[in-house]
PDB file of N, CA and C in Angstrom:
ATOM      1  N   MET A   1     247.274 -41.398 253.321  1.00  0.00           N
ATOM      2  CA  MET A   1     246.666 -41.131 254.318  1.00  0.00           C
ATOM      3  C   MET A   1     246.399 -42.568 254.697  1.00  0.00           C
ATOM      4  N   LYS A   2     246.407 -43.007 256.230  1.00  0.00           N
ATOM      5  CA  LYS A   2     245.733 -44.530 256.576  1.00  0.00           C
ATOM      6  C   LYS A   2     244.533 -44.243 257.161  1.00  0.00           C
ATOM      7  N   LEU A   3     243.734 -45.116 257.118  1.00  0.00           N
ATOM      8  CA  LEU A   3     242.466 -45.039 257.721  1.00  0.00           C
ATOM      9  C   LEU A   3     242.455 -45.557 259.032  1.00  0.00           C
ATOM     10  N   ASN A   4     243.611 -46.555 259.404  1.00  0.00           N
ATOM     11  CA  ASN A   4     243.533 -47.545 260.293  1.00  0.00           C
ATOM     12  C   ASN A   4     244.006 -46.773 261.651  1.00  0.00           C
ATOM     13  N   GLU A   5     244.873 -45.754 261.114  1.00  0.00           N
ATOM     14  CA  GLU A   5     245.594 -44.151 262.028  1.00  0.00           C
ATOM     15  C   GLU A   5     244.573 -43.294 262.698  1.00  0.00           C
ATOM     16  N   LEU A   6     243.539 -43.337 261.634  1.00  0.00           N
ATOM     17  CA  LEU A   6     242.638 -42.001 262.377  1.00  0.00           C
ATOM     18  C   LEU A   6     241.949 -42.764 263.675  1.00  0.00           C
ATOM     19  N   ARG A   7     241.618 -41.670 264.834  1.00  0.00           N
ATOM     20  CA  ARG A   7     241.231 -42.121 266.053  1.00  0.00           C
ATOM     21  C   ARG A   7     239.713 -41.019 266.106  1.00  0.00           C
ATOM     22  N   PRO A   8     238.976 -41.573 266.688  1.00  0.00           N
ATOM     23  CA  PRO A   8     237.318 -41.063 266.861  1.00  0.00           C
ATOM     24  C   PRO A   8     237.873 -40.206 268.289  1.00  0.00           C
ATOM     25  N   ILE A   9     237.204 -39.112 268.025  1.00  0.00           N
ATOM     26  CA  ILE A   9     237.066 -38.002 269.456  1.00  0.00           C
ATOM     27  C   ILE A   9     236.527 -38.461 270.356  1.00  0.00           C
ATOM     28  N   PRO A  10     236.837 -38.955 271.539  1.00  0.00           N
ATOM     29  CA  PRO A  10     235.654 -39.522 272.546  1.00  0.00           C
ATOM     30  C   PRO A  10     234.744 -38.300 272.679  1.00  0.00           C
ATOM     31  N   ARG A  11     233.309 -39.069 272.636  1.00  0.00           N
ATOM     32  CA  ARG A  11     232.389 -38.315 273.245  1.00  0.00           C
ATOM     33  C   ARG A  11     231.888 -37.214 271.583  1.00  0.00           C
ATOM     34  N   GLU A  12     232.202 -37.164 270.897  1.00  0.00           N
ATOM     35  CA  GLU A  12     232.054 -36.343 269.834  1.00  0.00           C
ATOM     36  C   GLU A  12     230.932 -36.879 268.783  1.00  0.00           C
ATOM     37  N   THR A  13     229.978 -36.665 268.587  1.00  0.00           N
ATOM     38  CA  THR A  13     229.220 -37.187 267.759  1.00  0.00           C
ATOM     39  C   THR A  13     228.124 -35.987 267.003  1.00  0.00           C
ATOM     40  N   PHE A  14     227.916 -36.510 265.910  1.00  0.00           N
ATOM     41  CA  PHE A  14     226.772 -35.276 265.117  1.00  0.00           C
ATOM     42  C   PHE A  14     225.765 -36.483 264.509  1.00  0.00           C
ATOM     43  N   LYS A  15     224.410 -35.636 264.622  1.00  0.00           N
ATOM     44  CA  LYS A  15     223.413 -36.420 263.848  1.00  0.00           C
ATOM     45  C   LYS A  15     222.715 -35.313 262.855  1.00  0.00           C
ATOM     46  N   GLY A  16     222.040 -35.915 262.409  1.00  0.00           N
ATOM     47  CA  GLY A  16     221.241 -34.684 261.554  1.00  0.00           C
ATOM     48  C   GLY A  16     220.582 -35.018 260.264  1.00  0.00           C
ATOM     49  N   THR A  17     219.984 -34.312 259.457  1.00  0.00           N
ATOM     50  CA  THR A  17     219.303 -34.254 257.961  1.00  0.00           C
ATOM     51  C   THR A  17     220.609 -33.144 257.284  1.00  0.00           C
ATOM     52  N   TYR A  18     221.087 -33.810 256.305  1.00  0.00           N
ATOM     53  CA  TYR A  18     221.992 -33.209 255.644  1.00  0.00           C
ATOM     54  C   TYR A  18     221.898 -33.515 254.090  1.00  0.00           C
ATOM     55  N   ARG A  19     222.766 -32.130 252.924  1.00  0.00           N
ATOM     56  CA  ARG A  19     222.415 -32.837 251.733  1.00  0.00           C
ATOM     57  C   ARG A  19     223.559 -33.201 251.380  1.00  0.00           C
ATOM     58  N   LEU A  20     223.986 -34.246 250.558  1.00  0.00           N
ATOM     59  CA  LEU A  20     225.071 -34.710 250.086  1.00  0.00           C
ATOM     60  C   LEU A  20     225.279 -33.983 248.886  1.00  0.00           C
ATOM     61  N   THR A  21     226.613 -32.938 248.952  1.00  0.00           N
ATOM     62  CA  THR A  21     227.254 -32.205 248.487  1.00  0.00           C
ATOM     63  C   THR A  21     228.329 -32.535 247.581  1.00  0.00           C
ATOM     64  N   GLY A  22     228.787 -33.640 247.625  1.00  0.00           N
ATOM     65  CA  GLY A  22     230.202 -34.111 247.619  1.00  0.00           C
ATOM     66  C   GLY A  22     230.298 -35.558 247.876  1.00  0.00           C
ATOM     67  N   ARG A  23     231.093 -36.163 246.917  1.00  0.00           N
ATOM     68  CA  ARG A  23     231.271 -37.765 246.704  1.00  0.00           C
ATOM     69  C   ARG A  23     232.494 -38.026 245.733  1.00  0.00           C
ATOM     70  N   VAL A  24     233.375 -38.352 246.868  1.00  0.00           N
ATOM     71  CA  VAL A  24     234.756 -39.141 246.133  1.00  0.00           C
ATOM     72  C   VAL A  24     235.173 -40.095 246.539  1.00  0.00           C
ATOM     73  N   ALA A  25     235.199 -40.944 245.683  1.00  0.00           N
ATOM     74  CA  ALA A  25     235.880 -42.652 245.665  1.00  0.00           C
ATOM     75  C   ALA A  25     237.446 -42.233 246.218  1.00  0.00           C
ATOM     76  N   ALA A  26     238.187 -43.210 247.031  1.00  0.00           N
ATOM     77  CA  ALA A  26     239.735 -43.166 247.705  1.00  0.00           C
ATOM     78  C   ALA A  26     239.829 -44.449 247.946  1.00  0.00           C
ATOM     79  N   ILE A  27     241.115 -44.942 247.832  1.00  0.00           N
ATOM     80  CA  ILE A  27     241.530 -45.631 248.307  1.00  0.00           C
ATOM     81  C   ILE A  27     243.079 -45.368 249.265  1.00  0.00           C
ATOM     82  N   ASP A  28     243.020 -45.958 250.838  1.00  0.00           N
ATOM     83  CA  ASP A  28     243.935 -45.354 251.493  1.00  0.00           C
ATOM     84  C   ASP A  28     245.746 -45.723 251.359  1.00  0.00           C
ATOM     85  N   ASP A  29     246.610 -45.615 252.240  1.00  0.00           N
ATOM     86  CA  ASP A  29     247.563 -46.275 252.011  1.00  0.00           C
ATOM     87  C   ASP A  29     247.985 -47.290 252.002  1.00  0.00           C
ATOM     88  N   GLU A  30     246.808 -48.170 252.674  1.00  0.00           N
ATOM     89  CA  GLU A  30     246.919 -50.000 252.927  1.00  0.00           C
ATOM     90  C   GLU A  30     245.967 -50.316 251.620  1.00  0.00           C
ATOM     91  N   GLY A  31     245.340 -49.378 251.089  1.00  0.00           N
ATOM     92  CA  GLY A  31     244.631 -50.323 249.907  1.00  0.00           C
ATOM     93  C   GLY A  31     243.282 -50.318 250.299  1.00  0.00           C
ATOM     94  N   ILE A  32     242.676 -49.680 251.487  1.00  0.00           N
ATOM     95  CA  ILE A  32     241.386 -49.676 252.040  1.00  0.00           C
ATOM     96  C   ILE A  32     240.655 -48.477 251.147  1.00  0.00           C
ATOM     97  N   PRO A  33     239.370 -49.482 250.575  1.00  0.00           N
ATOM     98  CA  PRO A  33     238.450 -48.256 249.352  1.00  0.00           C
ATOM     99  C   PRO A  33     237.597 -47.658 250.646  1.00  0.00           C
ATOM    100  N   TYR A  34     237.463 -46.373 250.418  1.00  0.00           N
ATOM    101  CA  TYR A  34     236.261 -45.641 251.326  1.00  0.00           C
ATOM    102  C   TYR A  34     235.904 -44.375 250.201  1.00  0.00           C
ATOM    103  N   LEU A  35     235.110 -43.742 251.037  1.00  0.00           N
ATOM    104  CA  LEU A  35     233.875 -42.783 250.529  1.00  0.00           C
ATOM    105  C   LEU A  35     234.256 -41.734 251.357  1.00  0.00           C
ATOM    106  N   LYS A  36     234.649 -40.317 250.610  1.00  0.00           N
ATOM    107  CA  LYS A  36     235.193 -39.094 251.300  1.00  0.00           C
ATOM    108  C   LYS A  36     233.755 -38.310 250.532  1.00  0.00           C
ATOM    109  N   LEU A  37     232.640 -38.066 251.753  1.00  0.00           N
ATOM    110  CA  LEU A  37     231.272 -37.562 251.854  1.00  0.00           C
ATOM    111  C   LEU A  37     231.320 -36.034 252.579  1.00  0.00           C
ATOM    112  N   ARG A  38     230.816 -35.084 251.441  1.00  0.00           N
ATOM    113  CA  ARG A  38     230.669 -33.962 252.135  1.00  0.00           C
ATOM    114  C   ARG A  38     229.129 -33.388 252.202  1.00  0.00           C
ATOM    115  N   LEU A  39     228.910 -33.367 253.331  1.00  0.00           N
ATOM    116  CA  LEU A  39     227.518 -33.082 254.089  1.00  0.00           C
ATOM    117  C   LEU A  39     226.761 -31.576 254.192  1.00  0.00           C
ATOM    118  N   SER A  40     226.211 -31.274 253.884  1.00  0.00           N
ATOM    119  CA  SER A  40     225.901 -29.837 254.117  1.00  0.00           C
ATOM    120  C   SER A  40     224.394 -29.571 254.341  1.00  0.00           C
ATOM    121  N   SER A  41     224.554 -28.804 255.289  1.00  0.00           N
ATOM    122  CA  SER A  41     223.394 -28.225 256.008  1.00  0.00           C
ATOM    123  C   SER A  41     223.149 -26.847 255.999  1.00  0.00           C
ATOM    124  N   CYS A  42     222.226 -25.879 256.376  1.00  0.00           N
ATOM    125  CA  CYS A  42     221.952 -24.435 256.295  1.00  0.00           C
ATOM    126  C   CYS A  42     223.320 -23.437 257.280  1.00  0.00           C
ATOM    127  N   SER A  43     223.707 -24.494 258.055  1.00  0.00           N
ATOM    128  CA  SER A  43     224.826 -23.761 258.996  1.00  0.00           C
ATOM    129  C   SER A  43     226.134 -24.190 258.762  1.00  0.00           C
ATOM    130  N   THR A  44     226.336 -25.798 258.148  1.00  0.00           N
ATOM    131  CA  THR A  44     227.541 -26.173 258.560  1.00  0.00           C
ATOM    132  C   THR A  44     227.929 -26.987 257.093  1.00  0.00           C
ATOM    133  N   ASP A  45     229.150 -27.169 257.089  1.00  0.00           N
ATOM    134  CA  ASP A  45     229.562 -28.433 255.962  1.00  0.00           C
ATOM    135  C   ASP A  45     230.005 -29.407 256.879  1.00  0.00           C
ATOM    136  N   CYS A  46     230.334 -30.731 256.490  1.00  0.00           N
ATOM    137  CA  CYS A  46     231.041 -31.886 257.232  1.00  0.00           C
ATOM    138  C   CYS A  46     231.764 -32.744 256.325  1.00  0.00           C
ATOM    139  N   VAL A  47     232.808 -33.174 256.681  1.00  0.00           N
ATOM    140  CA  VAL A  47     233.448 -34.040 255.737  1.00  0.00           C
ATOM    141  C   VAL A  47     233.241 -35.462 256.540  1.00  0.00           C
ATOM    142  N   VAL A  48     232.928 -36.540 255.538  1.00  0.00           N
ATOM    143  CA  VAL A  48     232.874 -37.690 256.345  1.00  0.00           C
ATOM    144  C   VAL A  48     233.559 -38.413 255.690  1.00  0.00           C
ATOM    145  N   LEU A  49     234.472 -39.660 256.192  1.00  0.00           N
ATOM    146  CA  LEU A  49     234.853 -40.724 255.707  1.00  0.00           C
ATOM    147  C   LEU A  49     234.216 -42.105 255.852  1.00  0.00           C
ATOM    148  N   ALA A  50     233.889 -42.660 254.826  1.00  0.00           N
ATOM    149  CA  ALA A  50     233.073 -43.836 255.147  1.00  0.00           C
ATOM    150  C   ALA A  50     233.661 -45.015 254.466  1.00  0.00           C
ATOM    151  N   VAL A  51     234.202 -46.142 254.915  1.00  0.00           N
ATOM    152  CA  VAL A  51     234.811 -47.203 254.737  1.00  0.00           C
ATOM    153  C   VAL A  51     233.744 -48.354 254.122  1.00  0.00           C
ATOM    154  N   LEU A  52     234.167 -48.435 252.748  1.00  0.00           N
ATOM    155  CA  LEU A  52     233.126 -49.522 251.957  1.00  0.00           C
ATOM    156  C   LEU A  52     232.746 -50.630 252.587  1.00  0.00           C
ATOM    157  N   GLY A  53     231.834 -51.213 252.906  1.00  0.00           N
ATOM    158  CA  GLY A  53     231.775 -52.781 253.186  1.00  0.00           C
ATOM    159  C   GLY A  53     231.432 -52.377 254.997  1.00  0.00           C
ATOM    160  N   SER A  54     231.283 -51.523 255.594  1.00  0.00           N
ATOM    161  CA  SER A  54     231.374 -50.907 257.032  1.00  0.00           C
ATOM    162  C   SER A  54     230.138 -50.151 257.435  1.00  0.00           C
ATOM    163  N   VAL A  55     229.591 -49.578 256.238  1.00  0.00           N
ATOM    164  CA  VAL A  55     228.280 -49.101 256.436  1.00  0.00           C
ATOM    165  C   VAL A  55     227.674 -49.111 254.922  1.00  0.00           C
ATOM    166  N   SER A  56     226.224 -48.645 255.160  1.00  0.00           N
ATOM    167  CA  SER A  56     225.336 -49.418 253.787  1.00  0.00           C
ATOM    168  C   SER A  56     225.059 -47.904 253.368  1.00  0.00           C
ATOM    169  N   ILE A  57     225.571 -47.611 252.120  1.00  0.00           N
ATOM    170  CA  ILE A  57     225.352 -46.269 251.137  1.00  0.00           C
ATOM    171  C   ILE A  57     224.926 -46.760 249.919  1.00  0.00           C
ATOM    172  N   PRO A  58     223.520 -46.393 249.518  1.00  0.00           N
ATOM    173  CA  PRO A  58     222.891 -46.652 248.390  1.00  0.00           C
ATOM    174  C   PRO A  58     223.242 -46.237 247.197  1.00  0.00           C
ATOM    175  N   GLU A  59     223.547 -47.258 246.108  1.00  0.00           N
ATOM    176  CA  GLU A  59     224.338 -46.886 245.137  1.00  0.00           C
ATOM    177  C   GLU A  59     223.806 -45.331 244.615  1.00  0.00           C
ATOM    178  N   GLY A  60     222.386 -45.570 244.308  1.00  0.00           N
ATOM    179  CA  GLY A  60     221.794 -44.528 243.883  1.00  0.00           C
ATOM    180  C   GLY A  60     221.836 -43.289 244.379  1.00  0.00           C
ATOM    181  N   LEU A  61     222.115 -43.127 245.292  1.00  0.00           N
ATOM    182  CA  LEU A  61     222.536 -41.570 246.446  1.00  0.00           C
ATOM    183  C   LEU A  61     223.109 -40.586 245.459  1.00  0.00           C
ATOM    184  N   GLY A  62     222.484 -39.693 245.096  1.00  0.00           N
ATOM    185  CA  GLY A  62     222.896 -38.858 244.142  1.00  0.00           C
ATOM    186  C   GLY A  62     223.218 -37.519 244.915  1.00  0.00           C
ATOM    187  N   HIS A  63     223.825 -36.162 244.314  1.00  0.00           N
ATOM    188  CA  HIS A  63     224.075 -34.974 244.412  1.00  0.00           C
ATOM    189  C   HIS A  63     222.868 -34.134 244.990  1.00  0.00           C
ATOM    190  N   MET A  64     222.923 -33.627 245.724  1.00  0.00           N
ATOM    191  CA  MET A  64     221.904 -32.631 246.612  1.00  0.00           C
ATOM    192  C   MET A  64     220.684 -33.359 247.244  1.00  0.00           C
ATOM    193  N   GLU A  65     220.736 -34.694 247.165  1.00  0.00           N
ATOM    194  CA  GLU A  65     219.799 -35.749 248.069  1.00  0.00           C
ATOM    195  C   GLU A  65     220.161 -35.320 249.397  1.00  0.00           C
ATOM    196  N   LEU A  66     218.939 -35.521 250.075  1.00  0.00           N
ATOM    197  CA  LEU A  66     218.653 -35.691 251.365  1.00  0.00           C
ATOM    198  C   LEU A  66     219.281 -36.740 252.378  1.00  0.00           C
ATOM    199  N   VAL A  67     220.079 -36.426 253.162  1.00  0.00           N
ATOM    200  CA  VAL A  67     220.434 -37.901 254.127  1.00  0.00           C
ATOM    201  C   VAL A  67     220.346 -37.864 255.234  1.00  0.00           C
ATOM    202  N   ALA A  68     219.881 -38.681 256.235  1.00  0.00           N
ATOM    203  CA  ALA A  68     220.140 -38.699 257.757  1.00  0.00           C
ATOM    204  C   ALA A  68     220.753 -39.216 258.116  1.00  0.00           C
ATOM    205  N   VAL A  69     222.059 -38.653 258.937  1.00  0.00           N
ATOM    206  CA  VAL A  69     223.113 -39.499 259.464  1.00  0.00           C
ATOM    207  C   VAL A  69     223.234 -39.273 260.662  1.00  0.00           C
ATOM    208  N   LYS A  70     224.037 -40.263 261.381  1.00  0.00           N
ATOM    209  CA  LYS A  70     224.508 -39.948 263.215  1.00  0.00           C
ATOM    210  C   LYS A  70     225.680 -41.034 262.749  1.00  0.00           C
ATOM    211  N   GLY A  71     226.708 -39.911 263.646  1.00  0.00           N
ATOM    212  CA  GLY A  71     228.073 -40.636 263.512  1.00  0.00           C
ATOM    213  C   GLY A  71     228.644 -39.927 264.734  1.00  0.00           C
TER     214      GLY A  71
END
């Protein structure tokens, strides 16, 4: 997978408070490091790709902690 080839869906956003239920560090085909985060609420799960260095993610953020997100 190449992160640079991913395109956002126009006018599609989400925001809310979720629990962090999964966190995997990975590197794409071009060597860009990113985190694959699974965020869960009572009604849904979202998988989010976060490029390291472009967003602020606390190092101590642990499993099942609450996070407020907008993306």
